[in-house]
PDB file of all heavy atoms in Angstrom:
ATOM      1  N   ARG A   1      34.459 -16.707  11.500  1.00  0.00           N
ATOM      2  CA  ARG A   1      35.528 -15.782  10.875  1.00  0.00           C
ATOM      3  C   ARG A   1      36.323 -14.992  11.857  1.00  0.00           C
ATOM      4  O   ARG A   1      37.575 -14.857  11.854  1.00  0.00           O
ATOM      5  CB  ARG A   1      34.906 -14.825   9.824  1.00  0.00           C
ATOM      6  CG  ARG A   1      35.791 -14.087   8.932  1.00  0.00           C
ATOM      7  CD  ARG A   1      35.008 -13.297   7.907  1.00  0.00           C
ATOM      8  NE  ARG A   1      34.112 -14.142   7.051  1.00  0.00           N
ATOM      9  CZ  ARG A   1      32.733 -14.138   7.133  1.00  0.00           C
ATOM     10  NH1 ARG A   1      32.080 -13.389   7.927  1.00  0.00           N
ATOM     11  NH2 ARG A   1      32.030 -15.030   6.367  1.00  0.00           N
ATOM     12  N   ALA A   2      35.619 -14.514  12.894  1.00  0.00           N
ATOM     13  CA  ALA A   2      36.301 -13.940  14.060  1.00  0.00           C
ATOM     14  C   ALA A   2      37.248 -14.924  14.832  1.00  0.00           C
ATOM     15  O   ALA A   2      38.278 -14.449  15.303  1.00  0.00           O
ATOM     16  CB  ALA A   2      35.295 -13.401  15.113  1.00  0.00           C
ATOM     17  N   MET A   3      37.031 -16.197  14.718  1.00  0.00           N
ATOM     18  CA  MET A   3      37.805 -17.166  15.316  1.00  0.00           C
ATOM     19  C   MET A   3      38.959 -17.572  14.381  1.00  0.00           C
ATOM     20  O   MET A   3      39.890 -18.280  14.678  1.00  0.00           O
ATOM     21  CB  MET A   3      37.059 -18.485  15.594  1.00  0.00           C
ATOM     22  CG  MET A   3      35.972 -18.376  16.706  1.00  0.00           C
ATOM     23  SD  MET A   3      34.724 -19.372  16.628  1.00  0.00           S
ATOM     24  CE  MET A   3      35.433 -20.946  16.625  1.00  0.00           C
ATOM     25  N   GLY A   4      39.080 -16.958  13.131  1.00  0.00           N
ATOM     26  CA  GLY A   4      40.067 -17.248  12.200  1.00  0.00           C
ATOM     27  C   GLY A   4      39.871 -18.510  11.405  1.00  0.00           C
ATOM     28  O   GLY A   4      40.806 -19.169  10.840  1.00  0.00           O
ATOM     29  N   ILE A   5      38.590 -18.840  11.348  1.00  0.00           N
ATOM     30  CA  ILE A   5      38.269 -20.259  10.539  1.00  0.00           C
ATOM     31  C   ILE A   5      37.501 -19.730   9.185  1.00  0.00           C
ATOM     32  O   ILE A   5      36.689 -18.985   9.267  1.00  0.00           O
ATOM     33  CB  ILE A   5      37.246 -21.057  11.440  1.00  0.00           C
ATOM     34  CG1 ILE A   5      37.934 -21.603  12.696  1.00  0.00           C
ATOM     35  CG2 ILE A   5      36.673 -22.237  10.597  1.00  0.00           C
ATOM     36  CD1 ILE A   5      37.073 -22.266  13.640  1.00  0.00           C
ATOM     37  N   LYS A   6      38.085 -20.382   8.087  1.00  0.00           N
ATOM     38  CA  LYS A   6      37.490 -20.232   6.833  1.00  0.00           C
ATOM     39  C   LYS A   6      36.311 -21.215   6.590  1.00  0.00           C
ATOM     40  O   LYS A   6      36.526 -22.338   6.865  1.00  0.00           O
ATOM     41  CB  LYS A   6      38.601 -20.210   5.703  1.00  0.00           C
ATOM     42  CG  LYS A   6      38.065 -19.980   4.288  1.00  0.00           C
ATOM     43  CD  LYS A   6      39.160 -19.833   3.379  1.00  0.00           C
ATOM     44  CE  LYS A   6      39.924 -21.181   3.188  1.00  0.00           C
ATOM     45  NZ  LYS A   6      40.858 -21.119   2.142  1.00  0.00           N
ATOM     46  N   THR A   7      35.299 -20.699   6.127  1.00  0.00           N
ATOM     47  CA  THR A   7      34.075 -21.558   5.660  1.00  0.00           C
ATOM     48  C   THR A   7      34.113 -21.723   4.133  1.00  0.00           C
ATOM     49  O   THR A   7      34.116 -20.794   3.482  1.00  0.00           O
ATOM     50  CB  THR A   7      32.770 -21.048   6.239  1.00  0.00           C
ATOM     51  OG1 THR A   7      32.756 -19.688   5.746  1.00  0.00           O
ATOM     52  CG2 THR A   7      32.897 -21.095   7.785  1.00  0.00           C
ATOM     53  N   VAL A   8      33.911 -22.993   3.728  1.00  0.00           N
ATOM     54  CA  VAL A   8      33.831 -23.364   2.245  1.00  0.00           C
ATOM     55  C   VAL A   8      32.567 -24.140   2.111  1.00  0.00           C
ATOM     56  O   VAL A   8      32.379 -25.209   2.759  1.00  0.00           O
ATOM     57  CB  VAL A   8      34.993 -24.107   1.837  1.00  0.00           C
ATOM     58  CG1 VAL A   8      34.845 -24.474   0.364  1.00  0.00           C
ATOM     59  CG2 VAL A   8      36.267 -23.386   2.107  1.00  0.00           C
ATOM     60  N   MET A   9      31.626 -23.638   1.386  1.00  0.00           N
ATOM     61  CA  MET A   9      30.418 -24.363   0.992  1.00  0.00           C
ATOM     62  C   MET A   9      30.570 -25.249  -0.183  1.00  0.00           C
ATOM     63  O   MET A   9      31.125 -24.899  -1.293  1.00  0.00           O
ATOM     64  CB  MET A   9      29.283 -23.388   0.610  1.00  0.00           C
ATOM     65  CG  MET A   9      27.833 -24.019   0.358  1.00  0.00           C
ATOM     66  SD  MET A   9      26.705 -22.759  -0.146  1.00  0.00           S
ATOM     67  CE  MET A   9      27.190 -22.521  -1.923  1.00  0.00           C
ATOM     68  N   ILE A  10      30.059 -26.610   0.025  1.00  0.00           N
ATOM     69  CA  ILE A  10      30.266 -27.642  -0.945  1.00  0.00           C
ATOM     70  C   ILE A  10      28.895 -27.878  -1.442  1.00  0.00           C
ATOM     71  O   ILE A  10      27.910 -28.129  -0.798  1.00  0.00           O
ATOM     72  CB  ILE A  10      30.819 -28.869  -0.372  1.00  0.00           C
ATOM     73  CG1 ILE A  10      32.173 -28.647   0.389  1.00  0.00           C
ATOM     74  CG2 ILE A  10      30.983 -29.905  -1.449  1.00  0.00           C
ATOM     75  CD1 ILE A  10      33.215 -28.251  -0.653  1.00  0.00           C
ATOM     76  N   THR A  11      28.706 -27.969  -2.861  1.00  0.00           N
ATOM     77  CA  THR A  11      27.373 -28.068  -3.411  1.00  0.00           C
ATOM     78  C   THR A  11      27.560 -28.712  -4.743  1.00  0.00           C
ATOM     79  O   THR A  11      28.473 -28.469  -5.494  1.00  0.00           O
ATOM     80  CB  THR A  11      26.536 -26.764  -3.562  1.00  0.00           C
ATOM     81  OG1 THR A  11      25.270 -27.026  -4.032  1.00  0.00           O
ATOM     82  CG2 THR A  11      27.380 -25.691  -4.237  1.00  0.00           C
ATOM     83  N   GLY A  12      26.474 -29.332  -5.191  1.00  0.00           N
ATOM     84  CA  GLY A  12      26.324 -29.885  -6.545  1.00  0.00           C
ATOM     85  C   GLY A  12      25.768 -28.994  -7.430  1.00  0.00           C
ATOM     86  O   GLY A  12      25.563 -29.237  -8.694  1.00  0.00           O
ATOM     87  N   ASP A  13      25.361 -27.826  -6.973  1.00  0.00           N
ATOM     88  CA  ASP A  13      24.550 -26.733  -7.846  1.00  0.00           C
ATOM     89  C   ASP A  13      25.496 -26.119  -8.786  1.00  0.00           C
ATOM     90  O   ASP A  13      26.756 -26.332  -8.715  1.00  0.00           O
ATOM     91  CB  ASP A  13      24.137 -25.618  -6.974  1.00  0.00           C
ATOM     92  CG  ASP A  13      22.914 -26.113  -6.102  1.00  0.00           C
ATOM     93  OD1 ASP A  13      22.246 -27.058  -6.512  1.00  0.00           O
ATOM     94  OD2 ASP A  13      22.525 -25.359  -5.223  1.00  0.00           O
ATOM     95  N   ASN A  14      24.913 -25.568  -9.872  1.00  0.00           N
ATOM     96  CA  ASN A  14      25.893 -24.772 -10.855  1.00  0.00           C
ATOM     97  C   ASN A  14      26.485 -23.686 -10.140  1.00  0.00           C
ATOM     98  O   ASN A  14      25.949 -23.172  -9.183  1.00  0.00           O
ATOM     99  CB  ASN A  14      24.966 -24.491 -12.028  1.00  0.00           C
ATOM    100  CG  ASN A  14      23.889 -23.483 -11.694  1.00  0.00           C
ATOM    101  OD1 ASN A  14      24.121 -22.327 -11.422  1.00  0.00           O
ATOM    102  ND2 ASN A  14      22.720 -23.931 -11.781  1.00  0.00           N
ATOM    103  N   PRO A  15      27.489 -23.085 -10.873  1.00  0.00           N
ATOM    104  CA  PRO A  15      28.243 -21.957 -10.221  1.00  0.00           C
ATOM    105  C   PRO A  15      27.402 -20.778  -9.864  1.00  0.00           C
ATOM    106  O   PRO A  15      27.616 -20.021  -8.889  1.00  0.00           O
ATOM    107  CB  PRO A  15      29.377 -21.630 -11.133  1.00  0.00           C
ATOM    108  CG  PRO A  15      29.565 -23.052 -11.820  1.00  0.00           C
ATOM    109  CD  PRO A  15      28.266 -23.650 -11.997  1.00  0.00           C
ATOM    110  N   LEU A  16      26.457 -20.456 -10.718  1.00  0.00           N
ATOM    111  CA  LEU A  16      25.600 -19.235 -10.518  1.00  0.00           C
ATOM    112  C   LEU A  16      24.846 -19.400  -9.241  1.00  0.00           C
ATOM    113  O   LEU A  16      24.781 -18.492  -8.508  1.00  0.00           O
ATOM    114  CB  LEU A  16      24.667 -19.110 -11.875  1.00  0.00           C
ATOM    115  CG  LEU A  16      25.443 -18.455 -12.926  1.00  0.00           C
ATOM    116  CD1 LEU A  16      24.368 -18.391 -14.226  1.00  0.00           C
ATOM    117  CD2 LEU A  16      26.099 -17.000 -12.743  1.00  0.00           C
ATOM    118  N   THR A  17      24.161 -20.637  -9.188  1.00  0.00           N
ATOM    119  CA  THR A  17      23.261 -20.720  -7.996  1.00  0.00           C
ATOM    120  C   THR A  17      24.206 -20.819  -6.799  1.00  0.00           C
ATOM    121  O   THR A  17      23.880 -20.288  -5.779  1.00  0.00           O
ATOM    122  CB  THR A  17      22.614 -22.159  -8.080  1.00  0.00           C
ATOM    123  OG1 THR A  17      21.709 -22.132  -9.346  1.00  0.00           O
ATOM    124  CG2 THR A  17      21.715 -22.412  -6.927  1.00  0.00           C
ATOM    125  N   ALA A  18      25.407 -21.562  -6.910  1.00  0.00           N
ATOM    126  CA  ALA A  18      26.211 -21.607  -5.737  1.00  0.00           C
ATOM    127  C   ALA A  18      26.679 -20.251  -5.227  1.00  0.00           C
ATOM    128  O   ALA A  18      26.782 -19.900  -4.079  1.00  0.00           O
ATOM    129  CB  ALA A  18      27.369 -22.404  -5.992  1.00  0.00           C
ATOM    130  N   LYS A  19      26.967 -19.377  -6.184  1.00  0.00           N
ATOM    131  CA  LYS A  19      27.563 -18.073  -5.864  1.00  0.00           C
ATOM    132  C   LYS A  19      26.520 -17.228  -5.113  1.00  0.00           C
ATOM    133  O   LYS A  19      26.741 -16.462  -4.194  1.00  0.00           O
ATOM    134  CB  LYS A  19      28.015 -17.322  -7.166  1.00  0.00           C
ATOM    135  CG  LYS A  19      28.581 -16.055  -6.876  1.00  0.00           C
ATOM    136  CD  LYS A  19      29.074 -15.263  -8.102  1.00  0.00           C
ATOM    137  CE  LYS A  19      29.563 -13.945  -7.973  1.00  0.00           C
ATOM    138  NZ  LYS A  19      30.060 -13.387  -9.335  1.00  0.00           N
ATOM    139  N   ALA A  20      25.288 -17.274  -5.587  1.00  0.00           N
ATOM    140  CA  ALA A  20      24.211 -16.515  -4.975  1.00  0.00           C
ATOM    141  C   ALA A  20      23.970 -17.000  -3.601  1.00  0.00           C
ATOM    142  O   ALA A  20      23.731 -16.144  -2.669  1.00  0.00           O
ATOM    143  CB  ALA A  20      22.957 -16.719  -5.819  1.00  0.00           C
ATOM    144  N   ILE A  21      23.914 -18.284  -3.353  1.00  0.00           N
ATOM    145  CA  ILE A  21      23.541 -18.762  -2.034  1.00  0.00           C
ATOM    146  C   ILE A  21      24.859 -18.464  -1.094  1.00  0.00           C
ATOM    147  O   ILE A  21      24.600 -18.165   0.055  1.00  0.00           O
ATOM    148  CB  ILE A  21      23.228 -20.204  -1.998  1.00  0.00           C
ATOM    149  CG1 ILE A  21      21.935 -20.480  -2.817  1.00  0.00           C
ATOM    150  CG2 ILE A  21      23.259 -20.878  -0.615  1.00  0.00           C
ATOM    151  CD1 ILE A  21      21.703 -22.037  -2.973  1.00  0.00           C
ATOM    152  N   ALA A  22      26.012 -18.681  -1.629  1.00  0.00           N
ATOM    153  CA  ALA A  22      27.214 -18.453  -0.793  1.00  0.00           C
ATOM    154  C   ALA A  22      27.319 -16.951  -0.304  1.00  0.00           C
ATOM    155  O   ALA A  22      27.682 -16.607   0.711  1.00  0.00           O
ATOM    156  CB  ALA A  22      28.343 -18.596  -1.531  1.00  0.00           C
ATOM    157  N   ALA A  23      26.893 -16.009  -1.264  1.00  0.00           N
ATOM    158  CA  ALA A  23      26.853 -14.494  -0.878  1.00  0.00           C
ATOM    159  C   ALA A  23      25.901 -14.155   0.214  1.00  0.00           C
ATOM    160  O   ALA A  23      26.158 -13.479   1.155  1.00  0.00           O
ATOM    161  CB  ALA A  23      26.539 -13.734  -2.185  1.00  0.00           C
ATOM    162  N   GLU A  24      24.698 -14.943   0.130  1.00  0.00           N
ATOM    163  CA  GLU A  24      23.642 -14.713   1.136  1.00  0.00           C
ATOM    164  C   GLU A  24      24.033 -15.228   2.539  1.00  0.00           C
ATOM    165  O   GLU A  24      23.639 -14.770   3.493  1.00  0.00           O
ATOM    166  CB  GLU A  24      22.228 -15.279   0.572  1.00  0.00           C
ATOM    167  CG  GLU A  24      21.043 -15.133   1.452  1.00  0.00           C
ATOM    168  CD  GLU A  24      19.800 -15.551   1.147  1.00  0.00           C
ATOM    169  OE1 GLU A  24      19.711 -16.096  -0.126  1.00  0.00           O
ATOM    170  OE2 GLU A  24      18.830 -15.356   1.753  1.00  0.00           O
ATOM    171  N   ALA A  25      24.535 -16.445   2.414  1.00  0.00           N
ATOM    172  CA  ALA A  25      24.926 -17.169   3.778  1.00  0.00           C
ATOM    173  C   ALA A  25      26.095 -16.537   4.340  1.00  0.00           C
ATOM    174  O   ALA A  25      26.350 -16.775   5.595  1.00  0.00           O
ATOM    175  CB  ALA A  25      25.077 -18.674   3.433  1.00  0.00           C
ATOM    176  N   GLY A  26      26.940 -15.920   3.537  1.00  0.00           N
ATOM    177  CA  GLY A  26      28.204 -15.288   4.161  1.00  0.00           C
ATOM    178  C   GLY A  26      29.322 -16.157   4.210  1.00  0.00           C
ATOM    179  O   GLY A  26      30.200 -15.890   5.034  1.00  0.00           O
ATOM    180  N   VAL A  27      29.471 -17.219   3.476  1.00  0.00           N
ATOM    181  CA  VAL A  27      30.492 -18.152   3.509  1.00  0.00           C
ATOM    182  C   VAL A  27      31.810 -17.452   2.847  1.00  0.00           C
ATOM    183  O   VAL A  27      31.634 -16.567   1.951  1.00  0.00           O
ATOM    184  CB  VAL A  27      30.381 -19.553   2.887  1.00  0.00           C
ATOM    185  CG1 VAL A  27      29.281 -20.261   3.749  1.00  0.00           C
ATOM    186  CG2 VAL A  27      29.925 -19.364   1.498  1.00  0.00           C
ATOM    187  N   ASP A  28      32.977 -17.958   3.052  1.00  0.00           N
ATOM    188  CA  ASP A  28      34.159 -17.249   2.585  1.00  0.00           C
ATOM    189  C   ASP A  28      34.530 -17.713   1.116  1.00  0.00           C
ATOM    190  O   ASP A  28      35.032 -17.002   0.271  1.00  0.00           O
ATOM    191  CB  ASP A  28      35.473 -17.511   3.411  1.00  0.00           C
ATOM    192  CG  ASP A  28      35.156 -16.993   4.764  1.00  0.00           C
ATOM    193  OD1 ASP A  28      34.932 -15.860   4.964  1.00  0.00           O
ATOM    194  OD2 ASP A  28      35.346 -17.751   5.865  1.00  0.00           O
TER     195      ASP A  28
END
């Protein structure tokens, strides 16, 4: 993020699971 790069997590999980993991991992 400091380098100006946006991270996007790709997953087959449902949106609730994906949202929780994304928040914990700190992806954008």
